[in-house]
Amino acid sequence: MSLPLDAVHPHHRHGWWWKTLLGGFLLWVVTIVVTVATQNTNLVPTIILLGSFLVPFTVVLFVIERVTGTVSTMQLVTAFFVGGILGVLGASLLEANLRQDALVYIAVGFVEEFVKGVLLVVVAWRVRPKTARQGALLGATVGAGFAAFESAGYAFNAAITSRGIDLVSLLQTEVVRAILSPVGHVLWTAILGAVLFGAARGGVRLRWSWSLLVAYIGVSLLHGLWDSNSSIATLLAFVLTGTPFSAARGPYVPADVATLSTTLYVVGLAIVTAVGVAVLVTVLVRHRRQDRALAAAGPSAPVTGAGADGEYGPGPVVTMPAWQRATEHGPVDWDRTPPPHAH
C-alpha cells in the first residue's frame, strides 16, 4: 500500500529545533563552567563549536520540520555542512585581493552573496516543488552553514591574544553572533532562495528572471551595510556631537562619541534587519497569492495509479499536484527523484 503523496514527514512539527536550542545552550553553559573551574584549555574548541554551530544548526532543524517535496533530511544536512565549508572557502579566495578602502564591505557583501547563491543553485537543482517558501527554507539552510563556519573563525580569532586565551572575548563574540546570525546570513540567503524558487513558479526547472538580479543586488547591499554599520555609526557620532575627527586616538574615541556610536550601531542593525524581514515577507506573500491563483485556475488532473487489476490497470485515482505530473519531457521519473518523505 503506497503512502499518500502529501503525507507528513514524521519529523514535522515535533519542536526538535527549540528543544535542541535549549539543550545545546545548557551544554554550552556547562562547558564554560567546567572550563573555568578546571582551567582546561582543551575544552576551548568545544566552546567554540557549540557556540558557533548551535543557533545555525537549530535553523536546519527548523527547516527539516517544515520542508516539503523531494527534499530529504540528508540533503539539508549536506547543504548545511558542505555548503558552509565551500562557502567560506570560496568567499576567502575571492576576497583575498580586495582593496581595503571605503567600499570594501560592499564588495565583501557582493562576493559572499554570490558564493552562497551559486551553492543554493547547486543544492536546488533537482528539488521539487520549486516554490518561494521552499526556496526560503533551503536558502536559510545554506546561509546557516555559512554563518556557522564563519562564526567559528571569528570566535577563534577573538580567543587568541598575545596574552594567551581570552575566554571573555570569545564568549562575547559567540553570544553576539549567535543572536544576530538568524537575521544575517540566514535571512539574506532565504530572500535569495525565495526569489530564485519563486521565479520557477512551482515548476521543475529554475528560470531566469530580472527579479533574481534585483534580489542579489539587494541582499548584497544589505550585507554590505550590515558589515559597515560600525564605521557608519562612528562617523555619524562624530558629526552629530560636533567632535573633530582628530580627537580619536587610534581605535579609541571620546566617551560621548562612543556612547552615541553604540546606540547608532544598534539602530542601524535594527533597520537593516527590518528591511530584510519586510522584503522576505513581501516576496513570500506575493508568491503565495500567485500560487493560489494558479491552483484555482488549473486544478490538478486525476491520474490512474497502480491497482489490483494490473500494473497499469484502473486502480485508485490519485490527485497529483502539477509539479509531480508530466513535464515537457514526459512523466516524472521517480526512479531518479525520490518521492516526498516516503517511509
C-alpha atoms as a PDB file:
ATOM      1  CA  MET A   1       0.000   0.000   0.000  1.00  0.00           C
ATOM      2  CA  SER A   2       1.522   3.305  -1.060  1.00  0.00           C
ATOM      3  CA  LEU A   3       1.594   6.385   1.126  1.00  0.00           C
ATOM      4  CA  PRO A   4      -0.301   9.481   0.040  1.00  0.00           C
ATOM      5  CA  LEU A   5       1.875  11.898  -1.849  1.00  0.00           C
ATOM      6  CA  ASP A   6       1.270  14.668   0.640  1.00  0.00           C
ATOM      7  CA  ALA A   7       1.997  12.527   3.709  1.00  0.00           C
ATOM      8  CA  VAL A   8       3.563  14.475   6.516  1.00  0.00           C
ATOM      9  CA  HIS A   9       7.147  13.650   7.353  1.00  0.00           C
ATOM     10  CA  PRO A  10       7.378  12.005  10.814  1.00  0.00           C
ATOM     11  CA  HIS A  11       9.806  14.735  11.923  1.00  0.00           C
ATOM     12  CA  HIS A  12       7.402  17.540  11.089  1.00  0.00           C
ATOM     13  CA  ARG A  13       6.223  19.828  13.884  1.00  0.00           C
ATOM     14  CA  HIS A  14       7.812  17.919  16.751  1.00  0.00           C
ATOM     15  CA  GLY A  15       9.625  21.011  18.002  1.00  0.00           C
ATOM     16  CA  TRP A  16      13.076  19.489  17.768  1.00  0.00           C
ATOM     17  CA  TRP A  17      14.551  22.868  16.863  1.00  0.00           C
ATOM     18  CA  TRP A  18      13.692  24.640  20.135  1.00  0.00           C
ATOM     19  CA  LYS A  19      14.399  21.518  22.207  1.00  0.00           C
ATOM     20  CA  THR A  20      17.858  21.327  20.619  1.00  0.00           C
ATOM     21  CA  LEU A  21      18.366  25.051  21.183  1.00  0.00           C
ATOM     22  CA  LEU A  22      17.610  24.753  24.901  1.00  0.00           C
ATOM     23  CA  GLY A  23      19.609  21.549  25.364  1.00  0.00           C
ATOM     24  CA  GLY A  24      22.570  22.897  23.426  1.00  0.00           C
ATOM     25  CA  PHE A  25      22.553  26.132  25.399  1.00  0.00           C
ATOM     26  CA  LEU A  26      22.685  24.209  28.653  1.00  0.00           C
ATOM     27  CA  LEU A  27      25.596  22.115  27.361  1.00  0.00           C
ATOM     28  CA  TRP A  28      27.390  25.304  26.299  1.00  0.00           C
ATOM     29  CA  VAL A  29      26.945  26.828  29.765  1.00  0.00           C
ATOM     30  CA  VAL A  30      28.105  23.627  31.476  1.00  0.00           C
ATOM     31  CA  THR A  31      31.187  23.514  29.239  1.00  0.00           C
ATOM     32  CA  ILE A  32      32.042  27.109  30.159  1.00  0.00           C
ATOM     33  CA  VAL A  33      31.675  26.387  33.878  1.00  0.00           C
ATOM     34  CA  VAL A  34      33.860  23.288  33.674  1.00  0.00           C
ATOM     35  CA  THR A  35      36.477  25.137  31.624  1.00  0.00           C
ATOM     36  CA  VAL A  36      36.687  27.974  34.140  1.00  0.00           C
ATOM     37  CA  ALA A  37      36.734  25.589  37.100  1.00  0.00           C
ATOM     38  CA  THR A  38      39.426  23.308  35.727  1.00  0.00           C
ATOM     39  CA  GLN A  39      41.378  25.827  33.626  1.00  0.00           C
ATOM     40  CA  ASN A  40      41.476  23.127  30.965  1.00  0.00           C
ATOM     41  CA  THR A  41      42.224  24.826  27.643  1.00  0.00           C
ATOM     42  CA  ASN A  42      41.442  21.599  25.784  1.00  0.00           C
ATOM     43  CA  LEU A  43      37.767  22.468  26.255  1.00  0.00           C
ATOM     44  CA  VAL A  44      38.046  25.764  24.372  1.00  0.00           C
ATOM     45  CA  PRO A  45      37.422  24.138  20.961  1.00  0.00           C
ATOM     46  CA  THR A  46      34.266  22.575  22.424  1.00  0.00           C
ATOM     47  CA  ILE A  47      33.050  26.027  23.486  1.00  0.00           C
ATOM     48  CA  ILE A  48      33.802  27.392  20.027  1.00  0.00           C
ATOM     49  CA  LEU A  49      31.999  24.588  18.204  1.00  0.00           C
ATOM     50  CA  LEU A  50      28.956  24.588  20.494  1.00  0.00           C
ATOM     51  CA  GLY A  51      28.605  28.355  20.489  1.00  0.00           C
ATOM     52  CA  SER A  52      29.152  28.762  16.758  1.00  0.00           C
ATOM     53  CA  PHE A  53      27.004  25.889  15.492  1.00  0.00           C
ATOM     54  CA  LEU A  54      24.116  25.790  17.979  1.00  0.00           C
ATOM     55  CA  VAL A  55      21.880  28.507  16.507  1.00  0.00           C
ATOM     56  CA  PRO A  56      22.690  27.773  12.821  1.00  0.00           C
ATOM     57  CA  PHE A  57      22.042  24.045  13.288  1.00  0.00           C
ATOM     58  CA  THR A  58      18.809  24.910  15.075  1.00  0.00           C
ATOM     59  CA  VAL A  59      17.805  26.705  11.879  1.00  0.00           C
ATOM     60  CA  VAL A  60      18.401  23.478   9.953  1.00  0.00           C
ATOM     61  CA  LEU A  61      16.153  21.544  12.334  1.00  0.00           C
ATOM     62  CA  PHE A  62      13.512  24.264  11.943  1.00  0.00           C
ATOM     63  CA  VAL A  63      13.708  23.779   8.163  1.00  0.00           C
ATOM     64  CA  ILE A  64      13.579  19.967   8.413  1.00  0.00           C
ATOM     65  CA  GLU A  65      10.285  20.236  10.287  1.00  0.00           C
ATOM     66  CA  ARG A  66       8.743  22.416   7.564  1.00  0.00           C
ATOM     67  CA  VAL A  67      10.224  21.446   4.215  1.00  0.00           C
ATOM     68  CA  THR A  68       8.119  19.513   1.715  1.00  0.00           C
ATOM     69  CA  GLY A  69       8.504  17.823  -1.671  1.00  0.00           C
ATOM     70  CA  THR A  70      11.560  15.849  -2.671  1.00  0.00           C
ATOM     71  CA  VAL A  71      13.946  17.406  -0.161  1.00  0.00           C
ATOM     72  CA  SER A  72      15.390  14.823   2.209  1.00  0.00           C
ATOM     73  CA  THR A  73      16.920  15.374   5.626  1.00  0.00           C
ATOM     74  CA  MET A  74      20.293  14.219   4.296  1.00  0.00           C
ATOM     75  CA  GLN A  75      20.172  16.831   1.523  1.00  0.00           C
ATOM     76  CA  LEU A  76      19.553  19.569   4.063  1.00  0.00           C
ATOM     77  CA  VAL A  77      22.340  18.409   6.379  1.00  0.00           C
ATOM     78  CA  THR A  78      24.704  18.163   3.390  1.00  0.00           C
ATOM     79  CA  ALA A  79      23.703  21.638   2.234  1.00  0.00           C
ATOM     80  CA  PHE A  80      24.465  22.941   5.721  1.00  0.00           C
ATOM     81  CA  PHE A  81      27.902  21.395   6.169  1.00  0.00           C
ATOM     82  CA  VAL A  82      29.238  21.163   2.603  1.00  0.00           C
ATOM     83  CA  GLY A  83      27.633  24.427   1.570  1.00  0.00           C
ATOM     84  CA  GLY A  84      29.014  26.151   4.646  1.00  0.00           C
ATOM     85  CA  ILE A  85      32.561  24.881   4.126  1.00  0.00           C
ATOM     86  CA  LEU A  86      32.643  25.604   0.396  1.00  0.00           C
ATOM     87  CA  GLY A  87      31.018  28.950   1.039  1.00  0.00           C
ATOM     88  CA  VAL A  88      33.652  30.265   3.434  1.00  0.00           C
ATOM     89  CA  LEU A  89      36.467  28.803   1.312  1.00  0.00           C
ATOM     90  CA  GLY A  90      35.143  30.357  -1.876  1.00  0.00           C
ATOM     91  CA  ALA A  91      34.493  33.698  -0.210  1.00  0.00           C
ATOM     92  CA  SER A  92      38.002  33.736   1.289  1.00  0.00           C
ATOM     93  CA  LEU A  93      39.602  33.106  -2.090  1.00  0.00           C
ATOM     94  CA  LEU A  94      37.557  35.786  -3.829  1.00  0.00           C
ATOM     95  CA  GLU A  95      38.064  38.328  -1.042  1.00  0.00           C
ATOM     96  CA  ALA A  96      41.835  37.806  -0.803  1.00  0.00           C
ATOM     97  CA  ASN A  97      42.658  40.519  -3.357  1.00  0.00           C
ATOM     98  CA  LEU A  98      40.029  43.074  -2.372  1.00  0.00           C
ATOM     99  CA  ARG A  99      41.393  46.550  -1.738  1.00  0.00           C
ATOM    100  CA  GLN A 100      40.971  47.832   1.812  1.00  0.00           C
ATOM    101  CA  ASP A 101      39.047  51.029   1.056  1.00  0.00           C
ATOM    102  CA  ALA A 102      35.700  52.590   1.922  1.00  0.00           C
ATOM    103  CA  LEU A 103      33.801  50.217  -0.357  1.00  0.00           C
ATOM    104  CA  VAL A 104      35.412  47.001   0.853  1.00  0.00           C
ATOM    105  CA  TYR A 105      32.361  45.992   2.917  1.00  0.00           C
ATOM    106  CA  ILE A 106      30.051  46.413  -0.070  1.00  0.00           C
ATOM    107  CA  ALA A 107      32.455  44.322  -2.167  1.00  0.00           C
ATOM    108  CA  VAL A 108      32.515  41.625   0.515  1.00  0.00           C
ATOM    109  CA  GLY A 109      28.716  41.591   0.516  1.00  0.00           C
ATOM    110  CA  PHE A 110      28.569  41.005  -3.240  1.00  0.00           C
ATOM    111  CA  VAL A 111      31.251  38.290  -3.091  1.00  0.00           C
ATOM    112  CA  GLU A 112      29.747  36.304  -0.224  1.00  0.00           C
ATOM    113  CA  GLU A 113      26.174  36.525  -1.518  1.00  0.00           C
ATOM    114  CA  PHE A 114      27.370  35.392  -4.957  1.00  0.00           C
ATOM    115  CA  VAL A 115      29.109  32.352  -3.461  1.00  0.00           C
ATOM    116  CA  LYS A 116      26.041  31.417  -1.421  1.00  0.00           C
ATOM    117  CA  GLY A 117      23.813  31.979  -4.443  1.00  0.00           C
ATOM    118  CA  VAL A 118      25.852  29.572  -6.560  1.00  0.00           C
ATOM    119  CA  LEU A 119      25.740  26.939  -3.823  1.00  0.00           C
ATOM    120  CA  LEU A 120      21.989  27.448  -3.489  1.00  0.00           C
ATOM    121  CA  VAL A 121      21.505  26.825  -7.216  1.00  0.00           C
ATOM    122  CA  VAL A 122      23.501  23.586  -6.970  1.00  0.00           C
ATOM    123  CA  VAL A 123      21.504  22.399  -3.962  1.00  0.00           C
ATOM    124  CA  ALA A 124      18.190  23.395  -5.526  1.00  0.00           C
ATOM    125  CA  TRP A 125      18.743  21.959  -8.978  1.00  0.00           C
ATOM    126  CA  ARG A 126      16.600  18.848  -8.533  1.00  0.00           C
ATOM    127  CA  VAL A 127      14.369  19.976  -5.699  1.00  0.00           C
ATOM    128  CA  ARG A 128      10.621  19.812  -6.316  1.00  0.00           C
ATOM    129  CA  PRO A 129       8.376  21.711  -5.984  1.00  0.00           C
ATOM    130  CA  LYS A 130      10.191  24.975  -6.569  1.00  0.00           C
ATOM    131  CA  THR A 131       8.087  27.405  -4.593  1.00  0.00           C
ATOM    132  CA  ALA A 132       9.113  30.614  -2.851  1.00  0.00           C
ATOM    133  CA  ARG A 133       8.534  29.082   0.573  1.00  0.00           C
ATOM    134  CA  GLN A 134      10.674  26.058  -0.297  1.00  0.00           C
ATOM    135  CA  GLY A 135      13.387  28.336  -1.646  1.00  0.00           C
ATOM    136  CA  ALA A 136      13.400  30.442   1.517  1.00  0.00           C
ATOM    137  CA  LEU A 137      13.854  27.311   3.649  1.00  0.00           C
ATOM    138  CA  LEU A 138      16.719  25.982   1.527  1.00  0.00           C
ATOM    139  CA  GLY A 139      18.316  29.411   1.377  1.00  0.00           C
ATOM    140  CA  ALA A 140      18.153  29.650   5.156  1.00  0.00           C
ATOM    141  CA  THR A 141      19.937  26.286   5.391  1.00  0.00           C
ATOM    142  CA  VAL A 142      22.801  27.349   3.121  1.00  0.00           C
ATOM    143  CA  GLY A 143      23.064  30.684   4.939  1.00  0.00           C
ATOM    144  CA  ALA A 144      23.108  28.924   8.314  1.00  0.00           C
ATOM    145  CA  GLY A 145      26.012  26.723   7.217  1.00  0.00           C
ATOM    146  CA  PHE A 146      27.979  29.762   6.082  1.00  0.00           C
ATOM    147  CA  ALA A 147      27.199  31.588   9.342  1.00  0.00           C
ATOM    148  CA  ALA A 148      28.276  28.636  11.493  1.00  0.00           C
ATOM    149  CA  PHE A 149      31.734  28.231   9.990  1.00  0.00           C
ATOM    150  CA  GLU A 150      32.285  31.972   9.769  1.00  0.00           C
ATOM    151  CA  SER A 151      31.307  32.402  13.422  1.00  0.00           C
ATOM    152  CA  ALA A 152      33.736  29.668  14.427  1.00  0.00           C
ATOM    153  CA  GLY A 153      36.522  31.616  12.729  1.00  0.00           C
ATOM    154  CA  TYR A 154      35.584  34.862  14.465  1.00  0.00           C
ATOM    155  CA  ALA A 155      35.368  33.095  17.819  1.00  0.00           C
ATOM    156  CA  PHE A 156      38.802  31.552  17.335  1.00  0.00           C
ATOM    157  CA  ASN A 157      40.352  34.918  16.450  1.00  0.00           C
ATOM    158  CA  ALA A 158      38.691  36.531  19.461  1.00  0.00           C
ATOM    159  CA  ALA A 159      40.092  33.866  21.787  1.00  0.00           C
ATOM    160  CA  ILE A 160      43.719  34.073  20.627  1.00  0.00           C
ATOM    161  CA  THR A 161      45.587  37.080  22.002  1.00  0.00           C
ATOM    162  CA  SER A 162      49.202  37.956  22.769  1.00  0.00           C
ATOM    163  CA  ARG A 163      48.453  37.240  26.447  1.00  0.00           C
ATOM    164  CA  GLY A 164      47.020  33.805  25.771  1.00  0.00           C
ATOM    165  CA  ILE A 165      43.388  32.694  25.522  1.00  0.00           C
ATOM    166  CA  ASP A 166      40.841  35.437  26.190  1.00  0.00           C
ATOM    167  CA  LEU A 167      37.757  33.480  27.261  1.00  0.00           C
ATOM    168  CA  VAL A 168      35.648  36.596  27.896  1.00  0.00           C
ATOM    169  CA  SER A 169      36.254  37.954  24.396  1.00  0.00           C
ATOM    170  CA  LEU A 170      35.473  34.523  22.952  1.00  0.00           C
ATOM    171  CA  LEU A 171      32.146  34.293  24.798  1.00  0.00           C
ATOM    172  CA  GLN A 172      31.141  37.843  23.889  1.00  0.00           C
ATOM    173  CA  THR A 173      31.799  37.151  20.219  1.00  0.00           C
ATOM    174  CA  GLU A 174      29.813  33.912  20.271  1.00  0.00           C
ATOM    175  CA  VAL A 175      26.818  35.451  22.048  1.00  0.00           C
ATOM    176  CA  VAL A 176      26.616  38.409  19.664  1.00  0.00           C
ATOM    177  CA  ARG A 177      26.974  36.302  16.542  1.00  0.00           C
ATOM    178  CA  ALA A 178      24.534  33.669  17.801  1.00  0.00           C
ATOM    179  CA  ILE A 179      21.891  36.329  18.373  1.00  0.00           C
ATOM    180  CA  LEU A 180      22.477  38.057  15.045  1.00  0.00           C
ATOM    181  CA  SER A 181      23.042  35.054  12.736  1.00  0.00           C
ATOM    182  CA  PRO A 182      19.321  34.388  12.033  1.00  0.00           C
ATOM    183  CA  VAL A 183      18.877  37.963  10.775  1.00  0.00           C
ATOM    184  CA  GLY A 184      22.190  37.976   8.925  1.00  0.00           C
ATOM    185  CA  HIS A 185      23.365  35.262   6.546  1.00  0.00           C
ATOM    186  CA  VAL A 186      20.285  33.127   7.203  1.00  0.00           C
ATOM    187  CA  LEU A 187      17.879  35.936   6.294  1.00  0.00           C
ATOM    188  CA  TRP A 188      19.783  37.190   3.261  1.00  0.00           C
ATOM    189  CA  THR A 189      20.128  33.777   1.630  1.00  0.00           C
ATOM    190  CA  ALA A 190      16.495  32.994   2.465  1.00  0.00           C
ATOM    191  CA  ILE A 191      15.474  36.077   0.453  1.00  0.00           C
ATOM    192  CA  LEU A 192      17.646  34.973  -2.455  1.00  0.00           C
ATOM    193  CA  GLY A 193      16.232  31.446  -2.301  1.00  0.00           C
ATOM    194  CA  ALA A 194      12.634  32.677  -2.176  1.00  0.00           C
ATOM    195  CA  VAL A 195      13.101  34.817  -5.284  1.00  0.00           C
ATOM    196  CA  LEU A 196      15.061  32.062  -7.082  1.00  0.00           C
ATOM    197  CA  PHE A 197      12.398  29.429  -6.492  1.00  0.00           C
ATOM    198  CA  GLY A 198       9.561  31.879  -6.919  1.00  0.00           C
ATOM    199  CA  ALA A 199      10.727  32.600 -10.446  1.00  0.00           C
ATOM    200  CA  ALA A 200      10.240  28.895 -11.261  1.00  0.00           C
ATOM    201  CA  ARG A 201       6.527  29.255 -10.347  1.00  0.00           C
ATOM    202  CA  GLY A 202       6.214  25.769  -8.925  1.00  0.00           C
ATOM    203  CA  GLY A 203       7.839  24.110 -11.944  1.00  0.00           C
ATOM    204  CA  VAL A 204      10.641  21.573 -12.044  1.00  0.00           C
ATOM    205  CA  ARG A 205      13.288  23.882 -13.509  1.00  0.00           C
ATOM    206  CA  LEU A 206      14.933  27.072 -12.371  1.00  0.00           C
ATOM    207  CA  ARG A 207      14.165  30.034 -14.589  1.00  0.00           C
ATOM    208  CA  TRP A 208      15.900  33.333 -15.178  1.00  0.00           C
ATOM    209  CA  SER A 209      14.103  36.445 -14.028  1.00  0.00           C
ATOM    210  CA  TRP A 210      15.262  40.017 -13.618  1.00  0.00           C
ATOM    211  CA  SER A 211      13.926  39.799 -10.088  1.00  0.00           C
ATOM    212  CA  LEU A 212      16.870  37.471  -9.345  1.00  0.00           C
ATOM    213  CA  LEU A 213      19.353  40.200 -10.235  1.00  0.00           C
ATOM    214  CA  VAL A 214      17.423  42.731  -8.172  1.00  0.00           C
ATOM    215  CA  ALA A 215      17.333  40.316  -5.207  1.00  0.00           C
ATOM    216  CA  TYR A 216      21.064  39.607  -5.489  1.00  0.00           C
ATOM    217  CA  ILE A 217      21.929  43.300  -5.549  1.00  0.00           C
ATOM    218  CA  GLY A 218      19.510  43.965  -2.708  1.00  0.00           C
ATOM    219  CA  VAL A 219      20.823  41.294  -0.318  1.00  0.00           C
ATOM    220  CA  SER A 220      24.419  42.197  -1.197  1.00  0.00           C
ATOM    221  CA  LEU A 221      23.763  45.818  -0.259  1.00  0.00           C
ATOM    222  CA  LEU A 222      22.051  44.747   2.975  1.00  0.00           C
ATOM    223  CA  HIS A 223      25.088  42.579   3.732  1.00  0.00           C
ATOM    224  CA  GLY A 224      27.462  45.435   2.965  1.00  0.00           C
ATOM    225  CA  LEU A 225      25.515  47.907   5.105  1.00  0.00           C
ATOM    226  CA  TRP A 226      25.442  45.366   7.935  1.00  0.00           C
ATOM    227  CA  ASP A 227      29.226  44.934   7.848  1.00  0.00           C
ATOM    228  CA  SER A 228      29.931  48.663   7.509  1.00  0.00           C
ATOM    229  CA  ASN A 229      27.392  49.680  10.146  1.00  0.00           C
ATOM    230  CA  SER A 230      30.028  50.128  12.841  1.00  0.00           C
ATOM    231  CA  SER A 231      32.058  52.549  10.710  1.00  0.00           C
ATOM    232  CA  ILE A 232      28.937  54.449   9.657  1.00  0.00           C
ATOM    233  CA  ALA A 233      27.721  54.715  13.260  1.00  0.00           C
ATOM    234  CA  THR A 234      31.082  56.054  14.457  1.00  0.00           C
ATOM    235  CA  LEU A 235      31.232  58.596  11.634  1.00  0.00           C
ATOM    236  CA  LEU A 236      27.711  59.826  12.384  1.00  0.00           C
ATOM    237  CA  ALA A 237      28.527  60.040  16.104  1.00  0.00           C
ATOM    238  CA  PHE A 238      31.463  62.362  15.409  1.00  0.00           C
ATOM    239  CA  VAL A 239      29.300  64.549  13.166  1.00  0.00           C
ATOM    240  CA  LEU A 240      26.282  64.698  15.495  1.00  0.00           C
ATOM    241  CA  THR A 241      28.363  65.520  18.584  1.00  0.00           C
ATOM    242  CA  GLY A 242      30.476  68.080  16.746  1.00  0.00           C
ATOM    243  CA  THR A 243      33.646  66.298  17.829  1.00  0.00           C
ATOM    244  CA  PRO A 244      36.641  66.750  15.495  1.00  0.00           C
ATOM    245  CA  PHE A 245      37.996  63.554  13.986  1.00  0.00           C
ATOM    246  CA  SER A 246      41.411  64.425  15.384  1.00  0.00           C
ATOM    247  CA  ALA A 247      40.041  63.609  18.855  1.00  0.00           C
ATOM    248  CA  ALA A 248      40.242  59.920  18.021  1.00  0.00           C
ATOM    249  CA  ARG A 249      43.305  58.103  19.317  1.00  0.00           C
ATOM    250  CA  GLY A 250      43.661  55.067  17.108  1.00  0.00           C
ATOM    251  CA  PRO A 251      40.750  52.725  17.879  1.00  0.00           C
ATOM    252  CA  TYR A 252      39.731  54.818  20.910  1.00  0.00           C
ATOM    253  CA  VAL A 253      37.225  57.674  20.743  1.00  0.00           C
ATOM    254  CA  PRO A 254      35.851  60.108  23.358  1.00  0.00           C
ATOM    255  CA  ALA A 255      33.262  58.679  25.761  1.00  0.00           C
ATOM    256  CA  ASP A 256      30.332  60.712  24.441  1.00  0.00           C
ATOM    257  CA  VAL A 257      31.133  59.674  20.883  1.00  0.00           C
ATOM    258  CA  ALA A 258      31.441  56.018  21.913  1.00  0.00           C
ATOM    259  CA  THR A 259      28.058  56.066  23.681  1.00  0.00           C
ATOM    260  CA  LEU A 260      26.236  57.624  20.734  1.00  0.00           C
ATOM    261  CA  SER A 261      28.104  55.372  18.304  1.00  0.00           C
ATOM    262  CA  THR A 262      26.913  52.252  20.147  1.00  0.00           C
ATOM    263  CA  THR A 263      23.323  53.483  20.061  1.00  0.00           C
ATOM    264  CA  LEU A 264      23.502  54.281  16.368  1.00  0.00           C
ATOM    265  CA  TYR A 265      25.094  50.897  15.712  1.00  0.00           C
ATOM    266  CA  VAL A 266      22.188  49.052  17.330  1.00  0.00           C
ATOM    267  CA  VAL A 267      19.670  51.235  15.488  1.00  0.00           C
ATOM    268  CA  GLY A 268      21.449  50.560  12.200  1.00  0.00           C
ATOM    269  CA  LEU A 269      21.342  46.803  12.713  1.00  0.00           C
ATOM    270  CA  ALA A 270      17.644  47.038  13.587  1.00  0.00           C
ATOM    271  CA  ILE A 271      16.913  48.999  10.402  1.00  0.00           C
ATOM    272  CA  VAL A 272      18.809  46.561   8.166  1.00  0.00           C
ATOM    273  CA  THR A 273      17.067  43.639   9.873  1.00  0.00           C
ATOM    274  CA  ALA A 274      13.614  45.222   9.500  1.00  0.00           C
ATOM    275  CA  VAL A 275      14.200  45.872   5.804  1.00  0.00           C
ATOM    276  CA  GLY A 276      15.367  42.289   5.242  1.00  0.00           C
ATOM    277  CA  VAL A 277      12.424  40.753   7.093  1.00  0.00           C
ATOM    278  CA  ALA A 278       9.976  43.026   5.257  1.00  0.00           C
ATOM    279  CA  VAL A 279      11.439  42.012   1.884  1.00  0.00           C
ATOM    280  CA  LEU A 280      11.261  38.292   2.697  1.00  0.00           C
ATOM    281  CA  VAL A 281       7.661  38.515   3.932  1.00  0.00           C
ATOM    282  CA  THR A 282       6.658  40.540   0.869  1.00  0.00           C
ATOM    283  CA  VAL A 283       8.209  38.001  -1.512  1.00  0.00           C
ATOM    284  CA  LEU A 284       6.566  35.046   0.244  1.00  0.00           C
ATOM    285  CA  VAL A 285       3.124  36.682   0.393  1.00  0.00           C
ATOM    286  CA  ARG A 286       3.233  37.723  -3.258  1.00  0.00           C
ATOM    287  CA  HIS A 287       4.200  34.270  -4.492  1.00  0.00           C
ATOM    288  CA  ARG A 288       1.693  32.581  -2.192  1.00  0.00           C
ATOM    289  CA  ARG A 289      -1.054  34.619  -3.793  1.00  0.00           C
ATOM    290  CA  GLN A 290       0.243  33.719  -7.250  1.00  0.00           C
ATOM    291  CA  ASP A 291       0.334  30.023  -6.334  1.00  0.00           C
ATOM    292  CA  ARG A 292      -3.230  30.153  -5.059  1.00  0.00           C
ATOM    293  CA  ALA A 293      -4.359  31.906  -8.230  1.00  0.00           C
ATOM    294  CA  LEU A 294      -2.677  29.254 -10.389  1.00  0.00           C
ATOM    295  CA  ALA A 295      -4.198  26.461  -8.306  1.00  0.00           C
ATOM    296  CA  ALA A 296      -7.651  27.993  -8.675  1.00  0.00           C
ATOM    297  CA  ALA A 297      -7.246  28.462 -12.426  1.00  0.00           C
ATOM    298  CA  GLY A 298      -5.871  24.984 -13.174  1.00  0.00           C
ATOM    299  CA  PRO A 299      -6.876  22.213 -10.779  1.00  0.00           C
ATOM    300  CA  SER A 300      -4.746  19.117 -10.550  1.00  0.00           C
ATOM    301  CA  ALA A 301      -5.517  16.454 -13.071  1.00  0.00           C
ATOM    302  CA  PRO A 302      -6.542  12.980 -11.849  1.00  0.00           C
ATOM    303  CA  VAL A 303      -4.180  10.205 -12.823  1.00  0.00           C
ATOM    304  CA  THR A 304      -4.586   6.473 -12.567  1.00  0.00           C
ATOM    305  CA  GLY A 305      -2.396   4.646 -10.119  1.00  0.00           C
ATOM    306  CA  ALA A 306      -1.413   1.017  -9.934  1.00  0.00           C
ATOM    307  CA  GLY A 307      -4.294  -1.150  -8.676  1.00  0.00           C
ATOM    308  CA  ALA A 308      -5.263  -4.720  -8.177  1.00  0.00           C
ATOM    309  CA  ASP A 309      -6.314  -5.072 -11.833  1.00  0.00           C
ATOM    310  CA  GLY A 310      -2.769  -4.829 -13.134  1.00  0.00           C
ATOM    311  CA  GLU A 311       0.427  -2.805 -13.041  1.00  0.00           C
ATOM    312  CA  TYR A 312      -1.172  -0.005 -15.015  1.00  0.00           C
ATOM    313  CA  GLY A 313      -4.799  -1.077 -14.592  1.00  0.00           C
ATOM    314  CA  PRO A 314      -7.704   1.034 -13.387  1.00  0.00           C
ATOM    315  CA  GLY A 315      -6.595   1.151  -9.730  1.00  0.00           C
ATOM    316  CA  PRO A 316      -7.363   4.042  -7.391  1.00  0.00           C
ATOM    317  CA  VAL A 317      -7.478   7.622  -8.643  1.00  0.00           C
ATOM    318  CA  VAL A 318      -4.832   9.855  -7.119  1.00  0.00           C
ATOM    319  CA  THR A 319      -4.786  13.621  -7.426  1.00  0.00           C
ATOM    320  CA  MET A 320      -1.265  14.825  -8.091  1.00  0.00           C
ATOM    321  CA  PRO A 321      -0.028  18.425  -7.907  1.00  0.00           C
ATOM    322  CA  ALA A 322       1.210  19.993 -11.123  1.00  0.00           C
ATOM    323  CA  TRP A 323       4.894  19.728 -10.215  1.00  0.00           C
ATOM    324  CA  GLN A 324       4.595  15.915  -9.933  1.00  0.00           C
ATOM    325  CA  ARG A 325       2.685  15.444 -13.175  1.00  0.00           C
ATOM    326  CA  ALA A 326       4.220  15.020 -16.587  1.00  0.00           C
ATOM    327  CA  THR A 327       6.736  17.609 -17.703  1.00  0.00           C
ATOM    328  CA  GLU A 328       7.523  18.639 -21.243  1.00  0.00           C
ATOM    329  CA  HIS A 329       9.902  15.671 -21.420  1.00  0.00           C
ATOM    330  CA  GLY A 330       7.454  13.082 -20.160  1.00  0.00           C
ATOM    331  CA  PRO A 331       6.300  11.842 -16.769  1.00  0.00           C
ATOM    332  CA  VAL A 332       8.259  12.428 -13.622  1.00  0.00           C
ATOM    333  CA  ASP A 333      10.967   9.825 -13.170  1.00  0.00           C
ATOM    334  CA  TRP A 334      10.610   8.768  -9.536  1.00  0.00           C
ATOM    335  CA  ASP A 335      13.486   6.315 -10.023  1.00  0.00           C
ATOM    336  CA  ARG A 336      15.783   9.326 -10.252  1.00  0.00           C
ATOM    337  CA  THR A 337      13.895  11.640  -7.924  1.00  0.00           C
ATOM    338  CA  PRO A 338      12.596  10.038  -4.718  1.00  0.00           C
ATOM    339  CA  PRO A 339       9.022  10.667  -3.617  1.00  0.00           C
ATOM    340  CA  PRO A 340       8.490  13.193  -0.829  1.00  0.00           C
ATOM    341  CA  HIS A 341       9.495  11.747   2.531  1.00  0.00           C
ATOM    342  CA  ALA A 342       8.031   8.295   1.813  1.00  0.00           C
ATOM    343  CA  HIS A 343       8.867   5.913   4.652  1.00  0.00           C
END
